PDB file of N, CA and C in Angstrom:
ATOM      1  N   MET A   1       1.135  24.389 -10.457  1.00  0.00           N
ATOM      2  CA  MET A   1       2.234  23.891 -11.240  1.00  0.00           C
ATOM      3  C   MET A   1       1.889  22.479 -11.694  1.00  0.00           C
ATOM      4  N   THR A   2       2.076  22.223 -12.975  1.00  0.00           N
ATOM      5  CA  THR A   2       1.812  20.902 -13.522  1.00  0.00           C
ATOM      6  C   THR A   2       3.071  20.045 -13.435  1.00  0.00           C
ATOM      7  N   LYS A   3       2.903  18.768 -13.719  1.00  0.00           N
ATOM      8  CA  LYS A   3       4.060  17.861 -13.700  1.00  0.00           C
ATOM      9  C   LYS A   3       5.096  18.304 -14.728  1.00  0.00           C
ATOM     10  N   LEU A   4       4.655  18.715 -15.895  1.00  0.00           N
ATOM     11  CA  LEU A   4       5.572  19.165 -16.946  1.00  0.00           C
ATOM     12  C   LEU A   4       6.376  20.378 -16.489  1.00  0.00           C
ATOM     13  N   GLU A   5       5.718  21.331 -15.841  1.00  0.00           N
ATOM     14  CA  GLU A   5       6.413  22.514 -15.325  1.00  0.00           C
ATOM     15  C   GLU A   5       7.408  22.130 -14.233  1.00  0.00           C
ATOM     16  N   LEU A   6       7.022  21.190 -13.391  1.00  0.00           N
ATOM     17  CA  LEU A   6       7.923  20.723 -12.338  1.00  0.00           C
ATOM     18  C   LEU A   6       9.150  20.045 -12.938  1.00  0.00           C
ATOM     19  N   VAL A   7       8.948  19.223 -13.953  1.00  0.00           N
ATOM     20  CA  VAL A   7      10.062  18.555 -14.639  1.00  0.00           C
ATOM     21  C   VAL A   7      10.995  19.588 -15.254  1.00  0.00           C
ATOM     22  N   GLU A   8      10.449  20.607 -15.900  1.00  0.00           N
ATOM     23  CA  GLU A   8      11.275  21.646 -16.518  1.00  0.00           C
ATOM     24  C   GLU A   8      12.111  22.381 -15.475  1.00  0.00           C
ATOM     25  N   GLN A   9      11.501  22.746 -14.360  1.00  0.00           N
ATOM     26  CA  GLN A   9      12.239  23.460 -13.314  1.00  0.00           C
ATOM     27  C   GLN A   9      13.279  22.569 -12.652  1.00  0.00           C
ATOM     28  N   LEU A  10      12.951  21.301 -12.449  1.00  0.00           N
ATOM     29  CA  LEU A  10      13.903  20.346 -11.878  1.00  0.00           C
ATOM     30  C   LEU A  10      15.110  20.190 -12.797  1.00  0.00           C
ATOM     31  N   ALA A  11      14.864  20.071 -14.091  1.00  0.00           N
ATOM     32  CA  ALA A  11      15.947  19.935 -15.060  1.00  0.00           C
ATOM     33  C   ALA A  11      16.842  21.168 -15.059  1.00  0.00           C
ATOM     34  N   ASN A  12      16.229  22.347 -15.028  1.00  0.00           N
ATOM     35  CA  ASN A  12      17.005  23.595 -15.028  1.00  0.00           C
ATOM     36  C   ASN A  12      17.840  23.756 -13.763  1.00  0.00           C
ATOM     37  N   LYS A  13      17.232  23.529 -12.609  1.00  0.00           N
ATOM     38  CA  LYS A  13      17.944  23.728 -11.333  1.00  0.00           C
ATOM     39  C   LYS A  13      19.014  22.677 -11.095  1.00  0.00           C
ATOM     40  N   ALA A  14      18.775  21.446 -11.543  1.00  0.00           N
ATOM     41  CA  ALA A  14      19.734  20.359 -11.312  1.00  0.00           C
ATOM     42  C   ALA A  14      20.765  20.257 -12.436  1.00  0.00           C
ATOM     43  N   GLY A  15      20.529  20.966 -13.542  1.00  0.00           N
ATOM     44  CA  GLY A  15      21.450  20.915 -14.669  1.00  0.00           C
ATOM     45  C   GLY A  15      21.455  19.570 -15.367  1.00  0.00           C
ATOM     46  N   ILE A  16      20.263  18.961 -15.464  1.00  0.00           N
ATOM     47  CA  ILE A  16      20.130  17.667 -16.137  1.00  0.00           C
ATOM     48  C   ILE A  16      19.120  17.792 -17.271  1.00  0.00           C
ATOM     49  N   SER A  17      19.022  16.754 -18.070  1.00  0.00           N
ATOM     50  CA  SER A  17      18.068  16.794 -19.180  1.00  0.00           C
ATOM     51  C   SER A  17      16.645  16.641 -18.654  1.00  0.00           C
ATOM     52  N   LYS A  18      15.683  17.098 -19.441  1.00  0.00           N
ATOM     53  CA  LYS A  18      14.273  16.968 -19.055  1.00  0.00           C
ATOM     54  C   LYS A  18      13.897  15.494 -18.959  1.00  0.00           C
ATOM     55  N   LYS A  19      14.469  14.680 -19.835  1.00  0.00           N
ATOM     56  CA  LYS A  19      14.176  13.245 -19.837  1.00  0.00           C
ATOM     57  C   LYS A  19      14.621  12.614 -18.517  1.00  0.00           C
ATOM     58  N   ASP A  20      15.833  12.966 -18.058  1.00  0.00           N
ATOM     59  CA  ASP A  20      16.327  12.442 -16.786  1.00  0.00           C
ATOM     60  C   ASP A  20      15.497  12.975 -15.620  1.00  0.00           C
ATOM     61  N   ALA A  21      15.150  14.251 -15.659  1.00  0.00           N
ATOM     62  CA  ALA A  21      14.349  14.861 -14.591  1.00  0.00           C
ATOM     63  C   ALA A  21      12.992  14.163 -14.487  1.00  0.00           C
ATOM     64  N   GLU A  22      12.376  13.884 -15.619  1.00  0.00           N
ATOM     65  CA  GLU A  22      11.083  13.206 -15.608  1.00  0.00           C
ATOM     66  C   GLU A  22      11.226  11.791 -15.058  1.00  0.00           C
ATOM     67  N   ARG A  23      12.288  11.098 -15.426  1.00  0.00           N
ATOM     68  CA  ARG A  23      12.528   9.746 -14.932  1.00  0.00           C
ATOM     69  C   ARG A  23      12.717   9.762 -13.407  1.00  0.00           C
ATOM     70  N   TYR A  24      13.485  10.727 -12.895  1.00  0.00           N
ATOM     71  CA  TYR A  24      13.711  10.836 -11.450  1.00  0.00           C
ATOM     72  C   TYR A  24      12.410  11.145 -10.719  1.00  0.00           C
ATOM     73  N   LEU A  25      11.622  12.058 -11.266  1.00  0.00           N
ATOM     74  CA  LEU A  25      10.354  12.420 -10.637  1.00  0.00           C
ATOM     75  C   LEU A  25       9.399  11.227 -10.640  1.00  0.00           C
ATOM     76  N   ASP A  26       9.296  10.531 -11.770  1.00  0.00           N
ATOM     77  CA  ASP A  26       8.421   9.354 -11.867  1.00  0.00           C
ATOM     78  C   ASP A  26       8.846   8.276 -10.870  1.00  0.00           C
ATOM     79  N   THR A  27      10.160   8.081 -10.730  1.00  0.00           N
ATOM     80  CA  THR A  27      10.675   7.088  -9.792  1.00  0.00           C
ATOM     81  C   THR A  27      10.338   7.478  -8.359  1.00  0.00           C
ATOM     82  N   THR A  28      10.491   8.758  -8.033  1.00  0.00           N
ATOM     83  CA  THR A  28      10.170   9.244  -6.690  1.00  0.00           C
ATOM     84  C   THR A  28       8.694   9.026  -6.380  1.00  0.00           C
ATOM     85  N   ILE A  29       7.832   9.364  -7.320  1.00  0.00           N
ATOM     86  CA  ILE A  29       6.389   9.185  -7.131  1.00  0.00           C
ATOM     87  C   ILE A  29       6.060   7.706  -6.945  1.00  0.00           C
ATOM     88  N   ALA A  30       6.664   6.845  -7.756  1.00  0.00           N
ATOM     89  CA  ALA A  30       6.416   5.402  -7.657  1.00  0.00           C
ATOM     90  C   ALA A  30       6.860   4.857  -6.298  1.00  0.00           C
ATOM     91  N   LEU A  31       7.996   5.332  -5.798  1.00  0.00           N
ATOM     92  CA  LEU A  31       8.479   4.874  -4.492  1.00  0.00           C
ATOM     93  C   LEU A  31       7.546   5.313  -3.370  1.00  0.00           C
ATOM     94  N   ILE A  32       7.044   6.526  -3.456  1.00  0.00           N
ATOM     95  CA  ILE A  32       6.084   7.009  -2.452  1.00  0.00           C
ATOM     96  C   ILE A  32       4.807   6.174  -2.514  1.00  0.00           C
ATOM     97  N   GLN A  33       4.322   5.886  -3.717  1.00  0.00           N
ATOM     98  CA  GLN A  33       3.111   5.083  -3.874  1.00  0.00           C
ATOM     99  C   GLN A  33       3.305   3.673  -3.315  1.00  0.00           C
ATOM    100  N   GLU A  34       4.458   3.064  -3.574  1.00  0.00           N
ATOM    101  CA  GLU A  34       4.740   1.720  -3.056  1.00  0.00           C
ATOM    102  C   GLU A  34       4.771   1.713  -1.534  1.00  0.00           C
ATOM    103  N   ALA A  35       5.391   2.727  -0.939  1.00  0.00           N
ATOM    104  CA  ALA A  35       5.457   2.809   0.517  1.00  0.00           C
ATOM    105  C   ALA A  35       4.061   2.965   1.114  1.00  0.00           C
ATOM    106  N   LEU A  36       3.235   3.810   0.514  1.00  0.00           N
ATOM    107  CA  LEU A  36       1.877   4.004   1.018  1.00  0.00           C
ATOM    108  C   LEU A  36       1.043   2.736   0.842  1.00  0.00           C
ATOM    109  N   LYS A  37       1.255   2.030  -0.256  1.00  0.00           N
ATOM    110  CA  LYS A  37       0.535   0.779  -0.495  1.00  0.00           C
ATOM    111  C   LYS A  37       0.885  -0.243   0.582  1.00  0.00           C
ATOM    112  N   ALA A  38       2.147  -0.202   1.061  1.00  0.00           N
ATOM    113  CA  ALA A  38       2.595  -1.098   2.122  1.00  0.00           C
ATOM    114  C   ALA A  38       2.229  -0.551   3.506  1.00  0.00           C
ATOM    115  N   ASN A  39       1.439   0.508   3.540  1.00  0.00           N
ATOM    116  CA  ASN A  39       0.956   1.139   4.770  1.00  0.00           C
ATOM    117  C   ASN A  39       2.086   1.766   5.589  1.00  0.00           C
ATOM    118  N   SER A  40       3.127   2.250   4.902  1.00  0.00           N
ATOM    119  CA  SER A  40       4.257   2.919   5.558  1.00  0.00           C
ATOM    120  C   SER A  40       4.104   4.426   5.413  1.00  0.00           C
ATOM    121  N   LYS A  41       4.777   5.154   6.289  1.00  0.00           N
ATOM    122  CA  LYS A  41       4.820   6.611   6.188  1.00  0.00           C
ATOM    123  C   LYS A  41       6.038   7.008   5.375  1.00  0.00           C
ATOM    124  N   VAL A  42       5.927   8.128   4.663  1.00  0.00           N
ATOM    125  CA  VAL A  42       7.058   8.698   3.932  1.00  0.00           C
ATOM    126  C   VAL A  42       7.263  10.099   4.488  1.00  0.00           C
ATOM    127  N   SER A  43       8.399  10.300   5.124  1.00  0.00           N
ATOM    128  CA  SER A  43       8.710  11.580   5.743  1.00  0.00           C
ATOM    129  C   SER A  43       9.791  12.284   4.937  1.00  0.00           C
ATOM    130  N   LEU A  44       9.464  13.454   4.409  1.00  0.00           N
ATOM    131  CA  LEU A  44      10.404  14.247   3.627  1.00  0.00           C
ATOM    132  C   LEU A  44      10.703  15.527   4.402  1.00  0.00           C
ATOM    133  N   THR A  45      11.893  15.589   4.984  1.00  0.00           N
ATOM    134  CA  THR A  45      12.292  16.743   5.777  1.00  0.00           C
ATOM    135  C   THR A  45      12.197  18.013   4.935  1.00  0.00           C
ATOM    136  N   GLY A  46      11.573  19.027   5.484  1.00  0.00           N
ATOM    137  CA  GLY A  46      11.392  20.288   4.782  1.00  0.00           C
ATOM    138  C   GLY A  46      10.079  20.356   4.022  1.00  0.00           C
ATOM    139  N   LEU A  47       9.421  19.202   3.842  1.00  0.00           N
ATOM    140  CA  LEU A  47       8.162  19.176   3.105  1.00  0.00           C
ATOM    141  C   LEU A  47       7.029  18.700   4.008  1.00  0.00           C
ATOM    142  N   GLY A  48       7.082  17.430   4.424  1.00  0.00           N
ATOM    143  CA  GLY A  48       6.026  16.901   5.280  1.00  0.00           C
ATOM    144  C   GLY A  48       6.004  15.396   5.270  1.00  0.00           C
ATOM    145  N   ILE A  49       4.877  14.848   5.713  1.00  0.00           N
ATOM    146  CA  ILE A  49       4.728  13.402   5.852  1.00  0.00           C
ATOM    147  C   ILE A  49       3.527  12.927   5.041  1.00  0.00           C
ATOM    148  N   PHE A  50       3.767  11.910   4.206  1.00  0.00           N
ATOM    149  CA  PHE A  50       2.695  11.213   3.497  1.00  0.00           C
ATOM    150  C   PHE A  50       2.371   9.972   4.326  1.00  0.00           C
ATOM    151  N   SER A  51       1.093   9.712   4.562  1.00  0.00           N
ATOM    152  CA  SER A  51       0.705   8.530   5.323  1.00  0.00           C
ATOM    153  C   SER A  51      -0.638   8.025   4.801  1.00  0.00           C
ATOM    154  N   VAL A  52      -1.061   6.882   5.342  1.00  0.00           N
ATOM    155  CA  VAL A  52      -2.342   6.288   4.960  1.00  0.00           C
ATOM    156  C   VAL A  52      -3.294   6.413   6.137  1.00  0.00           C
ATOM    157  N   LYS A  53      -4.489   6.882   5.868  1.00  0.00           N
ATOM    158  CA  LYS A  53      -5.510   7.017   6.903  1.00  0.00           C
ATOM    159  C   LYS A  53      -6.647   6.057   6.583  1.00  0.00           C
ATOM    160  N   GLU A  54      -7.043   5.302   7.579  1.00  0.00           N
ATOM    161  CA  GLU A  54      -8.160   4.370   7.400  1.00  0.00           C
ATOM    162  C   GLU A  54      -9.456   5.093   7.764  1.00  0.00           C
ATOM    163  N   LYS A  55     -10.375   5.103   6.839  1.00  0.00           N
ATOM    164  CA  LYS A  55     -11.673   5.732   7.092  1.00  0.00           C
ATOM    165  C   LYS A  55     -12.701   4.632   7.346  1.00  0.00           C
ATOM    166  N   LYS A  56     -13.466   4.782   8.411  1.00  0.00           N
ATOM    167  CA  LYS A  56     -14.462   3.783   8.786  1.00  0.00           C
ATOM    168  C   LYS A  56     -15.669   3.859   7.861  1.00  0.00           C
ATOM    169  N   ALA A  57     -16.385   2.736   7.788  1.00  0.00           N
ATOM    170  CA  ALA A  57     -17.642   2.716   7.046  1.00  0.00           C
ATOM    171  C   ALA A  57     -18.627   3.643   7.760  1.00  0.00           C
ATOM    172  N   ARG A  58     -19.480   4.267   6.988  1.00  0.00           N
ATOM    173  CA  ARG A  58     -20.438   5.182   7.594  1.00  0.00           C
ATOM    174  C   ARG A  58     -21.680   5.283   6.718  1.00  0.00           C
ATOM    175  N   ILE A  59     -22.666   5.923   7.271  1.00  0.00           N
ATOM    176  CA  ILE A  59     -23.901   6.146   6.522  1.00  0.00           C
ATOM    177  C   ILE A  59     -23.919   7.594   6.068  1.00  0.00           C
ATOM    178  N   GLY A  60     -24.098   7.787   4.768  1.00  0.00           N
ATOM    179  CA  GLY A  60     -24.188   9.118   4.196  1.00  0.00           C
ATOM    180  C   GLY A  60     -25.587   9.361   3.678  1.00  0.00           C
ATOM    181  N   ARG A  61     -25.754  10.482   3.051  1.00  0.00           N
ATOM    182  CA  ARG A  61     -27.075  10.827   2.526  1.00  0.00           C
ATOM    183  C   ARG A  61     -26.926  11.348   1.107  1.00  0.00           C
ATOM    184  N   ASN A  62     -27.741  10.828   0.200  1.00  0.00           N
ATOM    185  CA  ASN A  62     -27.763  11.305  -1.172  1.00  0.00           C
ATOM    186  C   ASN A  62     -28.391  12.696  -1.158  1.00  0.00           C
ATOM    187  N   PRO A  63     -27.637  13.739  -1.542  1.00  0.00           N
ATOM    188  CA  PRO A  63     -28.174  15.097  -1.452  1.00  0.00           C
ATOM    189  C   PRO A  63     -29.365  15.350  -2.376  1.00  0.00           C
ATOM    190  N   LYS A  64     -29.452  14.580  -3.442  1.00  0.00           N
ATOM    191  CA  LYS A  64     -30.540  14.792  -4.399  1.00  0.00           C
ATOM    192  C   LYS A  64     -31.859  14.210  -3.896  1.00  0.00           C
ATOM    193  N   THR A  65     -31.789  12.979  -3.351  1.00  0.00           N
ATOM    194  CA  THR A  65     -33.013  12.290  -2.943  1.00  0.00           C
ATOM    195  C   THR A  65     -33.224  12.266  -1.436  1.00  0.00           C
ATOM    196  N   GLY A  66     -32.162  12.528  -0.673  1.00  0.00           N
ATOM    197  CA  GLY A  66     -32.260  12.464   0.778  1.00  0.00           C
ATOM    198  C   GLY A  66     -32.163  11.042   1.303  1.00  0.00           C
ATOM    199  N   GLU A  67     -32.024  10.075   0.402  1.00  0.00           N
ATOM    200  CA  GLU A  67     -31.943   8.661   0.780  1.00  0.00           C
ATOM    201  C   GLU A  67     -30.617   8.353   1.471  1.00  0.00           C
ATOM    202  N   GLN A  68     -30.663   7.488   2.479  1.00  0.00           N
ATOM    203  CA  GLN A  68     -29.443   7.078   3.170  1.00  0.00           C
ATOM    204  C   GLN A  68     -28.659   6.109   2.295  1.00  0.00           C
ATOM    205  N   VAL A  69     -27.331   6.270   2.314  1.00  0.00           N
ATOM    206  CA  VAL A  69     -26.458   5.434   1.499  1.00  0.00           C
ATOM    207  C   VAL A  69     -25.325   4.925   2.386  1.00  0.00           C
ATOM    208  N   GLN A  70     -25.011   3.629   2.258  1.00  0.00           N
ATOM    209  CA  GLN A  70     -23.909   3.049   3.013  1.00  0.00           C
ATOM    210  C   GLN A  70     -22.597   3.360   2.290  1.00  0.00           C
ATOM    211  N   ILE A  71     -21.671   4.018   2.977  1.00  0.00           N
ATOM    212  CA  ILE A  71     -20.355   4.335   2.413  1.00  0.00           C
ATOM    213  C   ILE A  71     -19.374   3.345   3.027  1.00  0.00           C
ATOM    214  N   PRO A  72     -18.707   2.532   2.198  1.00  0.00           N
ATOM    215  CA  PRO A  72     -17.813   1.501   2.732  1.00  0.00           C
ATOM    216  C   PRO A  72     -16.527   2.076   3.329  1.00  0.00           C
ATOM    217  N   ALA A  73     -15.872   1.287   4.163  1.00  0.00           N
ATOM    218  CA  ALA A  73     -14.576   1.677   4.733  1.00  0.00           C
ATOM    219  C   ALA A  73     -13.559   1.750   3.592  1.00  0.00           C
ATOM    220  N   LYS A  74     -12.567   2.622   3.748  1.00  0.00           N
ATOM    221  CA  LYS A  74     -11.543   2.738   2.719  1.00  0.00           C
ATOM    222  C   LYS A  74     -10.281   3.333   3.308  1.00  0.00           C
ATOM    223  N   LYS A  75      -9.210   3.235   2.547  1.00  0.00           N
ATOM    224  CA  LYS A  75      -7.948   3.859   2.913  1.00  0.00           C
ATOM    225  C   LYS A  75      -7.772   5.090   2.032  1.00  0.00           C
ATOM    226  N   ALA A  76      -7.209   6.138   2.613  1.00  0.00           N
ATOM    227  CA  ALA A  76      -6.986   7.367   1.858  1.00  0.00           C
ATOM    228  C   ALA A  76      -5.585   7.889   2.154  1.00  0.00           C
ATOM    229  N   ALA A  77      -4.978   8.509   1.165  1.00  0.00           N
ATOM    230  CA  ALA A  77      -3.669   9.131   1.352  1.00  0.00           C
ATOM    231  C   ALA A  77      -3.854  10.422   2.130  1.00  0.00           C
ATOM    232  N   LYS A  78      -2.908  10.680   3.025  1.00  0.00           N
ATOM    233  CA  LYS A  78      -2.966  11.879   3.853  1.00  0.00           C
ATOM    234  C   LYS A  78      -1.607  12.561   3.786  1.00  0.00           C
ATOM    235  N   PHE A  79      -1.603  13.883   3.697  1.00  0.00           N
ATOM    236  CA  PHE A  79      -0.361  14.647   3.722  1.00  0.00           C
ATOM    237  C   PHE A  79      -0.429  15.639   4.866  1.00  0.00           C
ATOM    238  N   THR A  80       0.615  15.638   5.684  1.00  0.00           N
ATOM    239  CA  THR A  80       0.719  16.591   6.783  1.00  0.00           C
ATOM    240  C   THR A  80       1.927  17.470   6.515  1.00  0.00           C
ATOM    241  N   ALA A  81       1.708  18.759   6.389  1.00  0.00           N
ATOM    242  CA  ALA A  81       2.799  19.695   6.109  1.00  0.00           C
ATOM    243  C   ALA A  81       3.769  19.725   7.280  1.00  0.00           C
ATOM    244  N   GLY A  82       5.060  19.795   6.951  1.00  0.00           N
ATOM    245  CA  GLY A  82       6.100  19.873   7.971  1.00  0.00           C
ATOM    246  C   GLY A  82       6.282  21.289   8.482  1.00  0.00           C
ATOM    247  N   LYS A  83       7.059  21.399   9.535  1.00  0.00           N
ATOM    248  CA  LYS A  83       7.307  22.675  10.201  1.00  0.00           C
ATOM    249  C   LYS A  83       7.890  23.715   9.239  1.00  0.00           C
ATOM    250  N   GLU A  84       8.881  23.304   8.429  1.00  0.00           N
ATOM    251  CA  GLU A  84       9.525  24.241   7.498  1.00  0.00           C
ATOM    252  C   GLU A  84       8.557  24.729   6.425  1.00  0.00           C
ATOM    253  N   LEU A  85       7.729  23.829   5.891  1.00  0.00           N
ATOM    254  CA  LEU A  85       6.763  24.223   4.873  1.00  0.00           C
ATOM    255  C   LEU A  85       5.734  25.191   5.452  1.00  0.00           C
ATOM    256  N   LYS A  86       5.275  24.906   6.665  1.00  0.00           N
ATOM    257  CA  LYS A  86       4.316  25.806   7.317  1.00  0.00           C
ATOM    258  C   LYS A  86       4.920  27.185   7.503  1.00  0.00           C
ATOM    259  N   ALA A  87       6.193  27.238   7.892  1.00  0.00           N
ATOM    260  CA  ALA A  87       6.875  28.533   8.090  1.00  0.00           C
ATOM    261  C   ALA A  87       6.998  29.300   6.775  1.00  0.00           C
ATOM    262  N   ILE A  88       7.297  28.595   5.694  1.00  0.00           N
ATOM    263  CA  ILE A  88       7.416  29.246   4.377  1.00  0.00           C
ATOM    264  C   ILE A  88       6.068  29.827   3.954  1.00  0.00           C
ATOM    265  N   LEU A  89       5.004  29.096   4.209  1.00  0.00           N
ATOM    266  CA  LEU A  89       3.666  29.560   3.811  1.00  0.00           C
ATOM    267  C   LEU A  89       3.191  30.745   4.641  1.00  0.00           C
ATOM    268  N   GLN A  90       3.682  30.882   5.862  1.00  0.00           N
ATOM    269  CA  GLN A  90       3.286  31.977   6.735  1.00  0.00           C
ATOM    270  C   GLN A  90       4.090  33.250   6.476  1.00  0.00           C
ATOM    271  N   ALA A  91       5.232  33.107   5.795  1.00  0.00           N
ATOM    272  CA  ALA A  91       6.112  34.273   5.560  1.00  0.00           C
ATOM    273  C   ALA A  91       5.558  35.184   4.494  1.00  0.00           C
TER     274      ALA A  91
END
């Protein structure tokens, strides 16, 4: 499902305009991004938890040349599915 399809379905189910649905979705995404940037968790009951995972620096290997490459430490977004979502996927 693309963002456009999600906006259309949100507008239909909520009985609002597509413009309002897109604004609400964009605002929700921005709030989640701000929370993750501040290193906070976002817990959405029925869906799951968005969090930030710190990855340590490590040594990798260039698959083409076999040469060792230093991979720097970084932060990555992590999503953990909640109990309800897992149950829906298993049904």
